Amino acid sequence: MSEQPVEQSRKGFGWLAWSTRDILVLAAVGVVFGIVLGALMYAYLLSIVLGVIVAWAWIGIMILPCFFIAYALRRAGAAFLIALLYCLVMLPISPYGPSIMITGLLYAFAGEIGVAVGTRYRHFGLPSMALTGAAGGVAMLIIYLIFYPTSFDLALPILIGVIVVTIVSSTISGIVAKYLGDAAARTGVLAGTIRKDLEEI
């Protein structure tokens, strides 16, 4: 894949600078993640009997598509849109019914905030993606604290465990998203989307 000069590549990073290819990639990735995560929802339901810490550990998995599509497309708004899309795909098979879309909105905001803080839509090297994941986890905690404050009425050791496992799982998710994106790019699936000239080496 030929690399464009950095100045030229950066011209198209706004909300309105989407190409048809970007939209098609977003749709395809959203459908794939929606099917996979929809199936995993039943595993999640089984795992939460192990406790609230285990339940929060799933945040990293559920927010992974946001980081992956942001890494692949380098577009503002990609993380937000993918969360709504994959939750829409999950809707017919989700045990939570229409409320999954509310959860999707929370993931959408947390994912987009994480990408904005971690990468500024310009730097997508490993440190930036790790920071993206951590910021997304923190954003999710803050969002839940605002809208569902009773979720944190926990004993202090459990509360600390929830905070730690959420940030760690989200950080790992950001890192995994980068490696998944690189692997997909090597197959040619994401040819023309991932811009290596904007990565931090």
C-alpha atoms as a PDB file:
ATOM      1  CA  MET A   1       0.000   0.000   0.000  1.00  0.00           C
ATOM      2  CA  SER A   2       1.500   3.309  -1.032  1.00  0.00           C
ATOM      3  CA  GLU A   3       1.710   5.904   1.687  1.00  0.00           C
ATOM      4  CA  GLN A   4       0.372   9.421   1.280  1.00  0.00           C
ATOM      5  CA  PRO A   5       2.219  12.385   2.733  1.00  0.00           C
ATOM      6  CA  VAL A   6       1.089  13.095   6.270  1.00  0.00           C
ATOM      7  CA  GLU A   7      -0.288  16.515   5.323  1.00  0.00           C
ATOM      8  CA  GLN A   8      -2.444  15.040   2.582  1.00  0.00           C
ATOM      9  CA  SER A   9      -3.706  12.160   4.726  1.00  0.00           C
ATOM     10  CA  ARG A  10      -4.741  14.464   7.533  1.00  0.00           C
ATOM     11  CA  LYS A  11      -7.107  16.474   5.359  1.00  0.00           C
ATOM     12  CA  GLY A  12      -9.824  13.824   5.510  1.00  0.00           C
ATOM     13  CA  PHE A  13     -10.229  13.187   9.213  1.00  0.00           C
ATOM     14  CA  GLY A  14     -13.347  15.233   9.881  1.00  0.00           C
ATOM     15  CA  TRP A  15     -16.838  13.952  10.576  1.00  0.00           C
ATOM     16  CA  LEU A  16     -17.890  14.701   6.991  1.00  0.00           C
ATOM     17  CA  ALA A  17     -14.833  13.259   5.269  1.00  0.00           C
ATOM     18  CA  TRP A  18     -16.079   9.696   5.011  1.00  0.00           C
ATOM     19  CA  SER A  19     -15.643   7.746   1.799  1.00  0.00           C
ATOM     20  CA  THR A  20     -17.943   5.013   0.537  1.00  0.00           C
ATOM     21  CA  ARG A  21     -15.251   2.490   1.436  1.00  0.00           C
ATOM     22  CA  ASP A  22     -15.154   3.776   5.017  1.00  0.00           C
ATOM     23  CA  ILE A  23     -18.911   3.325   5.351  1.00  0.00           C
ATOM     24  CA  LEU A  24     -18.785  -0.192   3.900  1.00  0.00           C
ATOM     25  CA  VAL A  25     -15.944  -1.195   6.219  1.00  0.00           C
ATOM     26  CA  LEU A  26     -17.825   0.232   9.203  1.00  0.00           C
ATOM     27  CA  ALA A  27     -20.960  -1.695   8.243  1.00  0.00           C
ATOM     28  CA  ALA A  28     -19.122  -4.980   7.676  1.00  0.00           C
ATOM     29  CA  VAL A  29     -17.157  -4.743  10.921  1.00  0.00           C
ATOM     30  CA  GLY A  30     -20.288  -3.771  12.828  1.00  0.00           C
ATOM     31  CA  VAL A  31     -22.202  -6.806  11.563  1.00  0.00           C
ATOM     32  CA  VAL A  32     -19.354  -9.212  12.355  1.00  0.00           C
ATOM     33  CA  PHE A  33     -18.825  -7.891  15.872  1.00  0.00           C
ATOM     34  CA  GLY A  34     -22.580  -7.733  16.448  1.00  0.00           C
ATOM     35  CA  ILE A  35     -22.982 -11.433  15.671  1.00  0.00           C
ATOM     36  CA  VAL A  36     -19.960 -12.461  17.758  1.00  0.00           C
ATOM     37  CA  LEU A  37     -20.840 -10.300  20.759  1.00  0.00           C
ATOM     38  CA  GLY A  38     -24.494 -11.284  20.515  1.00  0.00           C
ATOM     39  CA  ALA A  39     -23.497 -14.917  20.929  1.00  0.00           C
ATOM     40  CA  LEU A  40     -21.152 -14.017  23.790  1.00  0.00           C
ATOM     41  CA  MET A  41     -23.958 -12.304  25.706  1.00  0.00           C
ATOM     42  CA  TYR A  42     -25.140 -15.700  26.910  1.00  0.00           C
ATOM     43  CA  ALA A  43     -21.667 -16.537  28.175  1.00  0.00           C
ATOM     44  CA  TYR A  44     -21.709 -13.178  29.932  1.00  0.00           C
ATOM     45  CA  LEU A  45     -24.988 -14.038  31.645  1.00  0.00           C
ATOM     46  CA  LEU A  46     -23.468 -17.263  32.940  1.00  0.00           C
ATOM     47  CA  SER A  47     -20.300 -15.537  34.140  1.00  0.00           C
ATOM     48  CA  ILE A  48     -21.930 -12.789  36.188  1.00  0.00           C
ATOM     49  CA  VAL A  49     -22.920 -15.315  38.841  1.00  0.00           C
ATOM     50  CA  LEU A  50     -19.227 -15.221  39.755  1.00  0.00           C
ATOM     51  CA  GLY A  51     -19.592 -11.641  40.931  1.00  0.00           C
ATOM     52  CA  VAL A  52     -19.655  -8.014  39.907  1.00  0.00           C
ATOM     53  CA  ILE A  53     -15.885  -7.882  39.269  1.00  0.00           C
ATOM     54  CA  VAL A  54     -16.195 -10.599  36.637  1.00  0.00           C
ATOM     55  CA  ALA A  55     -19.115  -8.739  35.077  1.00  0.00           C
ATOM     56  CA  TRP A  56     -17.070  -5.542  34.720  1.00  0.00           C
ATOM     57  CA  ALA A  57     -14.169  -7.494  33.212  1.00  0.00           C
ATOM     58  CA  TRP A  58     -16.357  -7.888  30.113  1.00  0.00           C
ATOM     59  CA  ILE A  59     -16.166  -4.147  29.409  1.00  0.00           C
ATOM     60  CA  GLY A  60     -12.920  -4.639  27.518  1.00  0.00           C
ATOM     61  CA  ILE A  61     -14.526  -7.190  25.198  1.00  0.00           C
ATOM     62  CA  MET A  62     -17.658  -5.143  24.616  1.00  0.00           C
ATOM     63  CA  ILE A  63     -15.762  -1.948  23.802  1.00  0.00           C
ATOM     64  CA  LEU A  64     -13.180  -3.669  21.558  1.00  0.00           C
ATOM     65  CA  PRO A  65     -15.054  -2.903  18.290  1.00  0.00           C
ATOM     66  CA  CYS A  66     -14.838   0.833  19.072  1.00  0.00           C
ATOM     67  CA  PHE A  67     -11.068   0.720  19.303  1.00  0.00           C
ATOM     68  CA  PHE A  68     -10.698  -1.612  16.320  1.00  0.00           C
ATOM     69  CA  ILE A  69     -12.722   0.544  13.923  1.00  0.00           C
ATOM     70  CA  ALA A  70     -11.018   3.704  15.151  1.00  0.00           C
ATOM     71  CA  TYR A  71      -7.637   2.127  14.461  1.00  0.00           C
ATOM     72  CA  ALA A  72      -8.752   0.880  11.055  1.00  0.00           C
ATOM     73  CA  LEU A  73     -10.479   4.009   9.742  1.00  0.00           C
ATOM     74  CA  ARG A  74      -8.828   6.851  11.688  1.00  0.00           C
ATOM     75  CA  ARG A  75     -12.098   8.786  11.507  1.00  0.00           C
ATOM     76  CA  ALA A  76     -13.728  10.917  14.180  1.00  0.00           C
ATOM     77  CA  GLY A  77     -17.059   9.335  15.044  1.00  0.00           C
ATOM     78  CA  ALA A  78     -16.146   5.802  13.928  1.00  0.00           C
ATOM     79  CA  ALA A  79     -16.021   4.451  17.488  1.00  0.00           C
ATOM     80  CA  PHE A  80     -19.370   6.052  18.308  1.00  0.00           C
ATOM     81  CA  LEU A  81     -21.135   4.722  15.217  1.00  0.00           C
ATOM     82  CA  ILE A  82     -19.773   1.177  15.451  1.00  0.00           C
ATOM     83  CA  ALA A  83     -21.117   0.769  18.995  1.00  0.00           C
ATOM     84  CA  LEU A  84     -24.624   1.708  17.895  1.00  0.00           C
ATOM     85  CA  LEU A  85     -24.354  -0.535  14.851  1.00  0.00           C
ATOM     86  CA  TYR A  86     -23.149  -3.690  16.572  1.00  0.00           C
ATOM     87  CA  CYS A  87     -25.754  -3.276  19.319  1.00  0.00           C
ATOM     88  CA  LEU A  88     -28.417  -2.920  16.627  1.00  0.00           C
ATOM     89  CA  VAL A  89     -27.207  -6.209  15.122  1.00  0.00           C
ATOM     90  CA  MET A  90     -27.307  -7.796  18.593  1.00  0.00           C
ATOM     91  CA  LEU A  91     -30.866  -6.584  19.216  1.00  0.00           C
ATOM     92  CA  PRO A  92     -32.775  -9.612  17.811  1.00  0.00           C
ATOM     93  CA  ILE A  93     -30.713 -12.133  19.808  1.00  0.00           C
ATOM     94  CA  SER A  94     -29.902 -10.130  22.937  1.00  0.00           C
ATOM     95  CA  PRO A  95     -31.424 -11.437  26.176  1.00  0.00           C
ATOM     96  CA  TYR A  96     -31.712  -7.796  27.275  1.00  0.00           C
ATOM     97  CA  GLY A  97     -34.070  -6.769  24.485  1.00  0.00           C
ATOM     98  CA  PRO A  98     -34.267  -3.104  23.392  1.00  0.00           C
ATOM     99  CA  SER A  99     -32.301  -1.970  26.449  1.00  0.00           C
ATOM    100  CA  ILE A 100     -29.166  -3.174  24.645  1.00  0.00           C
ATOM    101  CA  MET A 101     -29.371   0.030  22.602  1.00  0.00           C
ATOM    102  CA  ILE A 102     -29.076   2.119  25.760  1.00  0.00           C
ATOM    103  CA  THR A 103     -26.000   0.141  26.706  1.00  0.00           C
ATOM    104  CA  GLY A 104     -24.722   0.653  23.174  1.00  0.00           C
ATOM    105  CA  LEU A 105     -25.048   4.394  23.578  1.00  0.00           C
ATOM    106  CA  LEU A 106     -22.895   4.227  26.716  1.00  0.00           C
ATOM    107  CA  TYR A 107     -20.257   2.195  24.870  1.00  0.00           C
ATOM    108  CA  ALA A 108     -20.447   4.662  21.985  1.00  0.00           C
ATOM    109  CA  PHE A 109     -19.637   7.650  24.183  1.00  0.00           C
ATOM    110  CA  ALA A 110     -16.969   5.814  26.199  1.00  0.00           C
ATOM    111  CA  GLY A 111     -15.295   4.456  23.067  1.00  0.00           C
ATOM    112  CA  GLU A 112     -15.261   7.800  21.262  1.00  0.00           C
ATOM    113  CA  ILE A 113     -13.951   9.605  24.340  1.00  0.00           C
ATOM    114  CA  GLY A 114     -11.219   6.996  24.730  1.00  0.00           C
ATOM    115  CA  VAL A 115     -10.133   7.358  21.107  1.00  0.00           C
ATOM    116  CA  ALA A 116     -10.178  11.159  21.270  1.00  0.00           C
ATOM    117  CA  VAL A 117      -8.084  11.220  24.449  1.00  0.00           C
ATOM    118  CA  GLY A 118      -5.711   8.416  23.536  1.00  0.00           C
ATOM    119  CA  THR A 119      -5.027   9.114  19.869  1.00  0.00           C
ATOM    120  CA  ARG A 120      -6.390  12.592  19.103  1.00  0.00           C
ATOM    121  CA  TYR A 121      -7.277  10.871  15.807  1.00  0.00           C
ATOM    122  CA  ARG A 122      -3.644  11.277  14.747  1.00  0.00           C
ATOM    123  CA  HIS A 123      -1.383   8.853  16.633  1.00  0.00           C
ATOM    124  CA  PHE A 124      -2.186   5.157  16.526  1.00  0.00           C
ATOM    125  CA  GLY A 125       0.970   3.491  17.781  1.00  0.00           C
ATOM    126  CA  LEU A 126       0.933   0.930  20.581  1.00  0.00           C
ATOM    127  CA  PRO A 127       1.294   3.449  23.451  1.00  0.00           C
ATOM    128  CA  SER A 128      -1.550   5.558  22.062  1.00  0.00           C
ATOM    129  CA  MET A 129      -3.829   2.543  21.649  1.00  0.00           C
ATOM    130  CA  ALA A 130      -3.068   1.392  25.189  1.00  0.00           C
ATOM    131  CA  LEU A 131      -3.914   4.895  26.437  1.00  0.00           C
ATOM    132  CA  THR A 132      -7.063   4.803  24.314  1.00  0.00           C
ATOM    133  CA  GLY A 133      -8.161   1.631  26.055  1.00  0.00           C
ATOM    134  CA  ALA A 134      -7.427   2.981  29.527  1.00  0.00           C
ATOM    135  CA  ALA A 135      -9.236   6.253  28.786  1.00  0.00           C
ATOM    136  CA  GLY A 136     -12.223   4.344  27.427  1.00  0.00           C
ATOM    137  CA  GLY A 137     -12.402   2.274  30.608  1.00  0.00           C
ATOM    138  CA  VAL A 138     -12.252   5.362  32.802  1.00  0.00           C
ATOM    139  CA  ALA A 139     -14.920   7.036  30.642  1.00  0.00           C
ATOM    140  CA  MET A 140     -17.183   4.012  31.039  1.00  0.00           C
ATOM    141  CA  LEU A 141     -16.785   4.099  34.818  1.00  0.00           C
ATOM    142  CA  ILE A 142     -17.614   7.815  34.911  1.00  0.00           C
ATOM    143  CA  ILE A 143     -20.631   7.386  32.643  1.00  0.00           C
ATOM    144  CA  TYR A 144     -21.983   4.576  34.801  1.00  0.00           C
ATOM    145  CA  LEU A 145     -21.349   6.647  37.910  1.00  0.00           C
ATOM    146  CA  ILE A 146     -23.436   9.467  36.437  1.00  0.00           C
ATOM    147  CA  PHE A 147     -26.361   7.412  35.140  1.00  0.00           C
ATOM    148  CA  TYR A 148     -26.257   4.357  37.418  1.00  0.00           C
ATOM    149  CA  PRO A 149     -24.722   5.542  40.703  1.00  0.00           C
ATOM    150  CA  THR A 150     -26.193   2.627  42.652  1.00  0.00           C
ATOM    151  CA  SER A 151     -23.951   0.301  40.608  1.00  0.00           C
ATOM    152  CA  PHE A 152     -21.092   1.469  42.813  1.00  0.00           C
ATOM    153  CA  ASP A 153     -22.763   0.845  46.156  1.00  0.00           C
ATOM    154  CA  LEU A 154     -20.166  -1.828  46.859  1.00  0.00           C
ATOM    155  CA  ALA A 155     -17.760  -2.759  49.597  1.00  0.00           C
ATOM    156  CA  LEU A 156     -14.480  -0.880  49.156  1.00  0.00           C
ATOM    157  CA  PRO A 157     -12.353  -3.927  48.146  1.00  0.00           C
ATOM    158  CA  ILE A 158     -14.941  -4.911  45.526  1.00  0.00           C
ATOM    159  CA  LEU A 159     -15.211  -1.337  44.269  1.00  0.00           C
ATOM    160  CA  ILE A 160     -11.430  -1.166  43.866  1.00  0.00           C
ATOM    161  CA  GLY A 161     -11.542  -4.496  42.048  1.00  0.00           C
ATOM    162  CA  VAL A 162     -14.219  -3.191  39.674  1.00  0.00           C
ATOM    163  CA  ILE A 163     -12.193  -0.065  38.866  1.00  0.00           C
ATOM    164  CA  VAL A 164      -8.964  -1.990  38.335  1.00  0.00           C
ATOM    165  CA  VAL A 165     -10.457  -4.774  36.226  1.00  0.00           C
ATOM    166  CA  THR A 166     -12.359  -2.290  34.046  1.00  0.00           C
ATOM    167  CA  ILE A 167      -9.293  -0.188  33.278  1.00  0.00           C
ATOM    168  CA  VAL A 168      -7.037  -3.212  32.772  1.00  0.00           C
ATOM    169  CA  SER A 169      -9.482  -5.033  30.500  1.00  0.00           C
ATOM    170  CA  SER A 170     -10.077  -1.883  28.443  1.00  0.00           C
ATOM    171  CA  THR A 171      -6.352  -1.204  28.149  1.00  0.00           C
ATOM    172  CA  ILE A 172      -5.795  -4.753  26.903  1.00  0.00           C
ATOM    173  CA  SER A 173      -8.689  -4.204  24.493  1.00  0.00           C
ATOM    174  CA  GLY A 174      -6.984  -1.160  22.995  1.00  0.00           C
ATOM    175  CA  ILE A 175      -3.780  -3.138  22.493  1.00  0.00           C
ATOM    176  CA  VAL A 176      -5.607  -6.127  21.013  1.00  0.00           C
ATOM    177  CA  ALA A 177      -7.483  -3.809  18.644  1.00  0.00           C
ATOM    178  CA  LYS A 178      -4.175  -2.591  17.211  1.00  0.00           C
ATOM    179  CA  TYR A 179      -2.869  -6.096  16.609  1.00  0.00           C
ATOM    180  CA  LEU A 180      -6.167  -7.228  15.120  1.00  0.00           C
ATOM    181  CA  GLY A 181      -6.106  -4.225  12.820  1.00  0.00           C
ATOM    182  CA  ASP A 182      -2.538  -4.971  11.733  1.00  0.00           C
ATOM    183  CA  ALA A 183      -3.412  -8.625  11.108  1.00  0.00           C
ATOM    184  CA  ALA A 184      -6.471  -7.661   9.063  1.00  0.00           C
ATOM    185  CA  ALA A 185      -4.421  -5.140   7.082  1.00  0.00           C
ATOM    186  CA  ARG A 186      -1.862  -7.801   6.192  1.00  0.00           C
ATOM    187  CA  THR A 187      -4.607  -9.915   4.657  1.00  0.00           C
ATOM    188  CA  GLY A 188      -5.659  -6.990   2.477  1.00  0.00           C
ATOM    189  CA  VAL A 189      -9.086  -6.684   4.109  1.00  0.00           C
ATOM    190  CA  LEU A 190      -8.308  -3.181   5.344  1.00  0.00           C
ATOM    191  CA  ALA A 191      -6.162  -2.102   2.415  1.00  0.00           C
ATOM    192  CA  GLY A 192      -6.514   1.605   1.875  1.00  0.00           C
ATOM    193  CA  THR A 193      -7.814   2.328   5.363  1.00  0.00           C
ATOM    194  CA  ILE A 194      -4.990   1.961   7.891  1.00  0.00           C
ATOM    195  CA  ARG A 195      -2.508   4.750   7.271  1.00  0.00           C
ATOM    196  CA  LYS A 196       0.892   3.607   8.459  1.00  0.00           C
ATOM    197  CA  ASP A 197       2.358   7.069   7.936  1.00  0.00           C
ATOM    198  CA  LEU A 198       0.338   8.347  10.885  1.00  0.00           C
ATOM    199  CA  GLU A 199       1.421   5.657  13.347  1.00  0.00           C
ATOM    200  CA  GLU A 200       3.833   6.245  16.157  1.00  0.00           C
ATOM    201  CA  ILE A 201       6.855   4.046  15.575  1.00  0.00           C
END
